[in-house]
Amino acid sequence: MAKIQLYKFINPGGAGQDKLSHNFGRSSLLAINRLGSTLNGVAQVVGDMGSIAKAVDKVEANQEKKERRRLKRERDQAAEDELERKNALMGKGIKWKGAIKKQEKGFGEQFFDKILTPFASFLKI
């Protein structure tokens, strides 16, 4: 950010002259220059305080957002734990569906199984 100088110093000039009227003008001009310098310093301090206040507000907003997210995660975790506990008590654990499915038989195999099954049971007797 650019530094803005609100007051520009004015050169009083003629430092070597001894006239009383000239010295009065010079001293009043130096006093005004010093007041301007003081005002510049005060303006910089006030500007810095404003930027600090903005930064503090931003940090507080971020902290509130993080706190809300943390509380939501905790509520979600508690709800998930409760659901898992209820399922475990009711016997609805994780269902395992076998690693390998049986392959279905083709048309020819099914046909011969239907025909040969009665003969196989007859031979067992």
N, C-alpha and C. Protein backbone atom coordinates (compact mmCIF):
# COMPACT_ATOMS: atom_id res chain seq x y z
N MET A 1 0.85 -1.16 0.00
CA MET A 1 0.00 0.00 0.00
C MET A 1 0.90 1.23 0.00
N ALA A 2 0.54 2.22 -0.78
CA ALA A 2 1.35 3.42 -0.91
C ALA A 2 1.21 4.28 0.34
N LYS A 3 2.31 4.87 0.73
CA LYS A 3 2.30 5.79 1.87
C LYS A 3 1.80 7.14 1.37
N ILE A 4 0.74 7.62 1.97
CA ILE A 4 0.19 8.91 1.59
C ILE A 4 0.67 9.94 2.60
N GLN A 5 1.22 11.00 2.08
CA GLN A 5 1.70 12.08 2.95
C GLN A 5 0.66 13.19 2.90
N LEU A 6 -0.04 13.39 4.00
CA LEU A 6 -1.13 14.36 4.04
C LEU A 6 -0.63 15.80 4.03
N TYR A 7 0.52 16.01 4.57
CA TYR A 7 1.03 17.38 4.67
C TYR A 7 2.42 17.42 4.07
N LYS A 8 2.62 18.38 3.20
CA LYS A 8 3.92 18.54 2.57
C LYS A 8 4.64 19.71 3.23
N PHE A 9 5.90 19.49 3.60
CA PHE A 9 6.66 20.54 4.27
C PHE A 9 6.92 21.69 3.30
N ILE A 10 6.88 22.88 3.86
CA ILE A 10 7.18 24.09 3.08
C ILE A 10 8.51 24.64 3.57
N ASN A 11 9.39 24.94 2.64
CA ASN A 11 10.71 25.47 2.99
C ASN A 11 10.58 26.92 3.41
N PRO A 12 11.00 27.22 4.67
CA PRO A 12 10.88 28.62 5.12
C PRO A 12 11.89 29.54 4.44
N GLY A 13 13.00 28.99 3.98
CA GLY A 13 14.01 29.76 3.25
C GLY A 13 14.63 30.87 4.10
N GLY A 14 15.65 31.48 3.56
CA GLY A 14 16.31 32.64 4.18
C GLY A 14 16.77 32.44 5.60
N ALA A 15 17.49 31.40 5.87
CA ALA A 15 17.94 31.13 7.22
C ALA A 15 18.98 32.12 7.70
N GLY A 16 19.65 32.81 6.80
CA GLY A 16 20.73 33.69 7.19
C GLY A 16 20.29 35.11 7.48
N GLN A 17 19.04 35.47 7.24
CA GLN A 17 18.61 36.85 7.43
C GLN A 17 18.22 37.08 8.88
N ASP A 18 18.47 38.31 9.36
CA ASP A 18 18.23 38.63 10.77
C ASP A 18 17.05 39.56 10.99
N LYS A 19 16.24 39.78 10.01
CA LYS A 19 15.12 40.70 10.18
C LYS A 19 14.09 40.08 11.11
N LEU A 20 13.56 40.86 12.00
CA LEU A 20 12.60 40.39 12.99
C LEU A 20 11.30 39.92 12.33
N SER A 21 10.81 40.63 11.36
CA SER A 21 9.57 40.24 10.70
C SER A 21 9.76 38.95 9.91
N HIS A 22 10.93 38.79 9.32
CA HIS A 22 11.21 37.57 8.57
C HIS A 22 11.34 36.38 9.52
N ASN A 23 11.95 36.55 10.68
CA ASN A 23 12.10 35.47 11.64
C ASN A 23 10.75 35.03 12.20
N PHE A 24 9.81 35.99 12.36
CA PHE A 24 8.49 35.64 12.86
C PHE A 24 7.76 34.75 11.84
N GLY A 25 7.84 35.12 10.60
CA GLY A 25 7.19 34.33 9.55
C GLY A 25 7.83 32.95 9.44
N ARG A 26 9.14 32.94 9.55
CA ARG A 26 9.86 31.67 9.45
C ARG A 26 9.51 30.75 10.61
N SER A 27 9.47 31.28 11.82
CA SER A 27 9.17 30.45 12.99
C SER A 27 7.73 29.95 12.94
N SER A 28 6.79 30.76 12.47
CA SER A 28 5.41 30.29 12.39
C SER A 28 5.29 29.20 11.31
N LEU A 29 6.03 29.36 10.21
CA LEU A 29 6.02 28.34 9.17
C LEU A 29 6.62 27.02 9.66
N LEU A 30 7.69 27.10 10.44
CA LEU A 30 8.28 25.89 11.03
C LEU A 30 7.30 25.23 12.00
N ALA A 31 6.56 26.05 12.76
CA ALA A 31 5.58 25.50 13.70
C ALA A 31 4.48 24.76 12.93
N ILE A 32 4.03 25.33 11.83
CA ILE A 32 3.00 24.67 11.01
C ILE A 32 3.55 23.38 10.42
N ASN A 33 4.82 23.42 9.98
CA ASN A 33 5.44 22.19 9.45
C ASN A 33 5.47 21.10 10.52
N ARG A 34 5.81 21.46 11.74
CA ARG A 34 5.87 20.47 12.81
C ARG A 34 4.49 19.94 13.17
N LEU A 35 3.48 20.81 13.15
CA LEU A 35 2.11 20.33 13.38
C LEU A 35 1.68 19.36 12.28
N GLY A 36 2.05 19.67 11.05
CA GLY A 36 1.72 18.78 9.94
C GLY A 36 2.39 17.43 10.09
N SER A 37 3.64 17.43 10.53
CA SER A 37 4.37 16.19 10.76
C SER A 37 3.69 15.37 11.86
N THR A 38 3.26 16.04 12.92
CA THR A 38 2.57 15.36 14.01
C THR A 38 1.26 14.74 13.52
N LEU A 39 0.52 15.50 12.73
CA LEU A 39 -0.74 14.98 12.20
C LEU A 39 -0.51 13.77 11.29
N ASN A 40 0.56 13.81 10.49
CA ASN A 40 0.89 12.64 9.67
C ASN A 40 1.14 11.41 10.53
N GLY A 41 1.88 11.59 11.61
CA GLY A 41 2.16 10.48 12.51
C GLY A 41 0.90 9.92 13.13
N VAL A 42 0.00 10.83 13.58
CA VAL A 42 -1.26 10.39 14.19
C VAL A 42 -2.11 9.65 13.15
N ALA A 43 -2.13 10.14 11.92
CA ALA A 43 -2.92 9.50 10.86
C ALA A 43 -2.38 8.10 10.57
N GLN A 44 -1.07 7.93 10.58
CA GLN A 44 -0.49 6.61 10.35
C GLN A 44 -0.86 5.64 11.47
N VAL A 45 -0.82 6.13 12.71
CA VAL A 45 -1.18 5.28 13.85
C VAL A 45 -2.64 4.86 13.76
N VAL A 46 -3.52 5.80 13.43
CA VAL A 46 -4.94 5.49 13.31
C VAL A 46 -5.18 4.50 12.17
N GLY A 47 -4.47 4.69 11.06
CA GLY A 47 -4.59 3.74 9.94
C GLY A 47 -4.12 2.35 10.31
N ASP A 48 -3.02 2.29 11.06
CA ASP A 48 -2.52 0.99 11.51
C ASP A 48 -3.52 0.33 12.47
N MET A 49 -4.13 1.11 13.34
CA MET A 49 -5.12 0.56 14.26
C MET A 49 -6.33 0.01 13.49
N GLY A 50 -6.73 0.71 12.43
CA GLY A 50 -7.83 0.23 11.60
C GLY A 50 -7.50 -1.09 10.93
N SER A 51 -6.29 -1.19 10.38
CA SER A 51 -5.90 -2.44 9.72
C SER A 51 -5.78 -3.58 10.72
N ILE A 52 -5.33 -3.28 11.94
CA ILE A 52 -5.25 -4.30 12.98
C ILE A 52 -6.65 -4.77 13.37
N ALA A 53 -7.59 -3.85 13.48
CA ALA A 53 -8.97 -4.21 13.83
C ALA A 53 -9.58 -5.10 12.74
N LYS A 54 -9.32 -4.80 11.48
CA LYS A 54 -9.83 -5.63 10.38
C LYS A 54 -9.23 -7.03 10.44
N ALA A 55 -7.92 -7.10 10.72
CA ALA A 55 -7.27 -8.40 10.80
C ALA A 55 -7.82 -9.22 11.97
N VAL A 56 -8.07 -8.58 13.10
CA VAL A 56 -8.63 -9.27 14.26
C VAL A 56 -10.01 -9.81 13.94
N ASP A 57 -10.84 -9.00 13.26
CA ASP A 57 -12.18 -9.46 12.87
C ASP A 57 -12.10 -10.68 11.95
N LYS A 58 -11.16 -10.64 11.02
CA LYS A 58 -11.01 -11.75 10.08
C LYS A 58 -10.58 -13.03 10.82
N VAL A 59 -9.64 -12.89 11.75
CA VAL A 59 -9.18 -14.04 12.53
C VAL A 59 -10.31 -14.61 13.38
N GLU A 60 -11.10 -13.73 14.01
CA GLU A 60 -12.22 -14.20 14.83
C GLU A 60 -13.25 -14.93 13.98
N ALA A 61 -13.53 -14.41 12.78
CA ALA A 61 -14.49 -15.08 11.90
C ALA A 61 -13.98 -16.47 11.51
N ASN A 62 -12.68 -16.58 11.21
CA ASN A 62 -12.11 -17.89 10.86
C ASN A 62 -12.16 -18.85 12.04
N GLN A 63 -11.90 -18.34 13.24
CA GLN A 63 -11.96 -19.20 14.42
C GLN A 63 -13.38 -19.69 14.69
N GLU A 64 -14.38 -18.80 14.50
CA GLU A 64 -15.77 -19.22 14.68
C GLU A 64 -16.15 -20.29 13.66
N LYS A 65 -15.68 -20.12 12.43
CA LYS A 65 -15.97 -21.10 11.38
C LYS A 65 -15.35 -22.45 11.72
N LYS A 66 -14.09 -22.43 12.20
CA LYS A 66 -13.43 -23.68 12.58
C LYS A 66 -14.14 -24.35 13.74
N GLU A 67 -14.60 -23.55 14.70
CA GLU A 67 -15.30 -24.10 15.86
C GLU A 67 -16.62 -24.74 15.44
N ARG A 68 -17.36 -24.09 14.55
CA ARG A 68 -18.62 -24.66 14.06
C ARG A 68 -18.36 -25.98 13.33
N ARG A 69 -17.32 -26.03 12.51
CA ARG A 69 -16.99 -27.26 11.79
C ARG A 69 -16.61 -28.38 12.75
N ARG A 70 -15.84 -28.04 13.79
CA ARG A 70 -15.42 -29.04 14.77
C ARG A 70 -16.63 -29.60 15.51
N LEU A 71 -17.55 -28.72 15.91
CA LEU A 71 -18.75 -29.18 16.61
C LEU A 71 -19.61 -30.06 15.71
N LYS A 72 -19.71 -29.71 14.44
CA LYS A 72 -20.50 -30.52 13.50
C LYS A 72 -19.87 -31.89 13.32
N ARG A 73 -18.51 -31.93 13.20
CA ARG A 73 -17.83 -33.23 13.09
C ARG A 73 -18.09 -34.09 14.32
N GLU A 74 -18.04 -33.47 15.52
CA GLU A 74 -18.29 -34.22 16.74
C GLU A 74 -19.71 -34.76 16.78
N ARG A 75 -20.70 -33.92 16.39
CA ARG A 75 -22.10 -34.39 16.37
C ARG A 75 -22.28 -35.52 15.37
N ASP A 76 -21.69 -35.39 14.20
CA ASP A 76 -21.78 -36.44 13.19
C ASP A 76 -21.16 -37.75 13.67
N GLN A 77 -20.00 -37.64 14.30
CA GLN A 77 -19.32 -38.83 14.81
C GLN A 77 -20.15 -39.50 15.90
N ALA A 78 -20.75 -38.68 16.78
CA ALA A 78 -21.58 -39.25 17.85
C ALA A 78 -22.81 -39.94 17.26
N ALA A 79 -23.42 -39.33 16.25
CA ALA A 79 -24.60 -39.95 15.62
C ALA A 79 -24.21 -41.25 14.93
N GLU A 80 -23.06 -41.27 14.26
CA GLU A 80 -22.60 -42.48 13.59
C GLU A 80 -22.31 -43.58 14.60
N ASP A 81 -21.66 -43.23 15.70
CA ASP A 81 -21.36 -44.21 16.75
C ASP A 81 -22.65 -44.78 17.33
N GLU A 82 -23.64 -43.93 17.55
CA GLU A 82 -24.92 -44.37 18.10
C GLU A 82 -25.62 -45.34 17.14
N LEU A 83 -25.60 -45.01 15.85
CA LEU A 83 -26.22 -45.89 14.86
C LEU A 83 -25.51 -47.24 14.80
N GLU A 84 -24.20 -47.24 14.85
CA GLU A 84 -23.45 -48.50 14.84
C GLU A 84 -23.74 -49.31 16.10
N ARG A 85 -23.88 -48.64 17.23
CA ARG A 85 -24.18 -49.34 18.49
C ARG A 85 -25.56 -49.98 18.42
N LYS A 86 -26.54 -49.25 17.89
CA LYS A 86 -27.89 -49.81 17.77
C LYS A 86 -27.89 -51.02 16.83
N ASN A 87 -27.20 -50.90 15.72
CA ASN A 87 -27.13 -52.02 14.76
C ASN A 87 -26.45 -53.23 15.38
N ALA A 88 -25.42 -53.00 16.17
CA ALA A 88 -24.72 -54.12 16.80
C ALA A 88 -25.63 -54.80 17.83
N LEU A 89 -26.42 -54.03 18.56
CA LEU A 89 -27.33 -54.61 19.55
C LEU A 89 -28.46 -55.39 18.89
N MET A 90 -28.87 -54.98 17.71
CA MET A 90 -29.96 -55.65 17.01
C MET A 90 -29.46 -56.78 16.12
N GLY A 91 -28.16 -57.01 16.10
CA GLY A 91 -27.60 -58.09 15.31
C GLY A 91 -27.47 -57.75 13.84
N LYS A 92 -27.48 -56.49 13.52
CA LYS A 92 -27.34 -56.08 12.12
C LYS A 92 -25.90 -55.64 11.85
N GLY A 93 -25.01 -56.52 12.10
CA GLY A 93 -23.61 -56.19 11.89
C GLY A 93 -23.31 -56.06 10.41
N ILE A 94 -22.08 -55.96 10.08
CA ILE A 94 -21.68 -55.87 8.69
C ILE A 94 -21.91 -57.21 8.03
N LYS A 95 -22.63 -57.18 6.94
CA LYS A 95 -22.95 -58.43 6.25
C LYS A 95 -21.88 -58.72 5.22
N TRP A 96 -21.39 -59.97 5.30
CA TRP A 96 -20.35 -60.38 4.36
C TRP A 96 -20.98 -61.28 3.33
N LYS A 97 -20.80 -60.97 2.09
CA LYS A 97 -21.47 -61.70 1.01
C LYS A 97 -20.52 -62.62 0.28
N GLY A 98 -19.70 -63.31 0.92
CA GLY A 98 -18.82 -64.28 0.27
C GLY A 98 -17.89 -63.64 -0.74
N ALA A 99 -16.72 -64.16 -0.84
CA ALA A 99 -15.73 -63.57 -1.72
C ALA A 99 -15.96 -63.95 -3.18
N ILE A 100 -16.45 -65.19 -3.43
CA ILE A 100 -16.59 -65.66 -4.81
C ILE A 100 -18.01 -66.16 -5.01
N LYS A 101 -18.66 -65.68 -6.05
CA LYS A 101 -20.00 -66.16 -6.38
C LYS A 101 -19.88 -67.43 -7.21
N LYS A 102 -20.85 -68.30 -7.04
CA LYS A 102 -20.87 -69.50 -7.86
C LYS A 102 -21.25 -69.10 -9.28
N GLN A 103 -20.61 -69.72 -10.22
CA GLN A 103 -20.96 -69.45 -11.60
C GLN A 103 -22.20 -70.25 -11.95
N GLU A 104 -23.08 -69.59 -12.69
CA GLU A 104 -24.31 -70.28 -13.09
C GLU A 104 -23.99 -71.33 -14.15
N LYS A 105 -24.78 -72.38 -14.13
CA LYS A 105 -24.58 -73.44 -15.10
C LYS A 105 -25.20 -73.04 -16.42
N GLY A 106 -24.61 -73.53 -17.48
CA GLY A 106 -25.14 -73.26 -18.81
C GLY A 106 -26.39 -74.10 -19.08
N PHE A 107 -27.02 -73.91 -20.24
CA PHE A 107 -28.25 -74.60 -20.61
C PHE A 107 -28.04 -76.12 -20.68
N GLY A 108 -26.96 -76.53 -21.30
CA GLY A 108 -26.70 -77.97 -21.44
C GLY A 108 -26.51 -78.64 -20.09
N GLU A 109 -25.77 -78.01 -19.18
CA GLU A 109 -25.54 -78.61 -17.87
C GLU A 109 -26.83 -78.70 -17.08
N GLN A 110 -27.65 -77.66 -17.14
CA GLN A 110 -28.93 -77.70 -16.44
C GLN A 110 -29.83 -78.82 -16.99
N PHE A 111 -29.83 -78.98 -18.32
CA PHE A 111 -30.67 -80.00 -18.96
C PHE A 111 -30.25 -81.40 -18.52
N PHE A 112 -28.94 -81.70 -18.58
CA PHE A 112 -28.47 -83.03 -18.18
C PHE A 112 -28.64 -83.27 -16.69
N ASP A 113 -28.51 -82.22 -15.85
CA ASP A 113 -28.74 -82.38 -14.41
C ASP A 113 -30.17 -82.80 -14.13
N LYS A 114 -31.12 -82.21 -14.87
CA LYS A 114 -32.53 -82.55 -14.66
C LYS A 114 -32.83 -83.98 -15.11
N ILE A 115 -32.16 -84.38 -16.16
CA ILE A 115 -32.42 -85.74 -16.67
C ILE A 115 -31.71 -86.79 -15.82
N LEU A 116 -30.45 -86.55 -15.45
CA LEU A 116 -29.65 -87.57 -14.76
C LEU A 116 -29.88 -87.62 -13.26
N THR A 117 -30.44 -86.59 -12.64
CA THR A 117 -30.64 -86.57 -11.19
C THR A 117 -31.57 -87.70 -10.73
N PRO A 118 -32.69 -87.95 -11.40
CA PRO A 118 -33.53 -89.07 -10.94
C PRO A 118 -32.81 -90.42 -11.05
N PHE A 119 -32.03 -90.62 -12.10
CA PHE A 119 -31.30 -91.90 -12.24
C PHE A 119 -30.23 -92.04 -11.16
N ALA A 120 -29.58 -90.94 -10.81
CA ALA A 120 -28.54 -90.99 -9.78
C ALA A 120 -29.16 -91.31 -8.45
N SER A 121 -30.31 -90.75 -8.13
CA SER A 121 -30.97 -91.08 -6.86
C SER A 121 -31.46 -92.52 -6.84
N PHE A 122 -31.87 -93.06 -8.02
CA PHE A 122 -32.31 -94.45 -8.12
C PHE A 122 -31.15 -95.41 -7.86
N LEU A 123 -29.94 -95.04 -8.36
CA LEU A 123 -28.78 -95.89 -8.18
C LEU A 123 -28.27 -95.86 -6.73
N LYS A 124 -28.50 -94.80 -5.98
CA LYS A 124 -28.05 -94.69 -4.58
C LYS A 124 -28.86 -95.60 -3.67
N ILE A 125 -30.03 -95.89 -4.04
CA ILE A 125 -30.91 -96.69 -3.18
C ILE A 125 -30.48 -98.10 -3.18
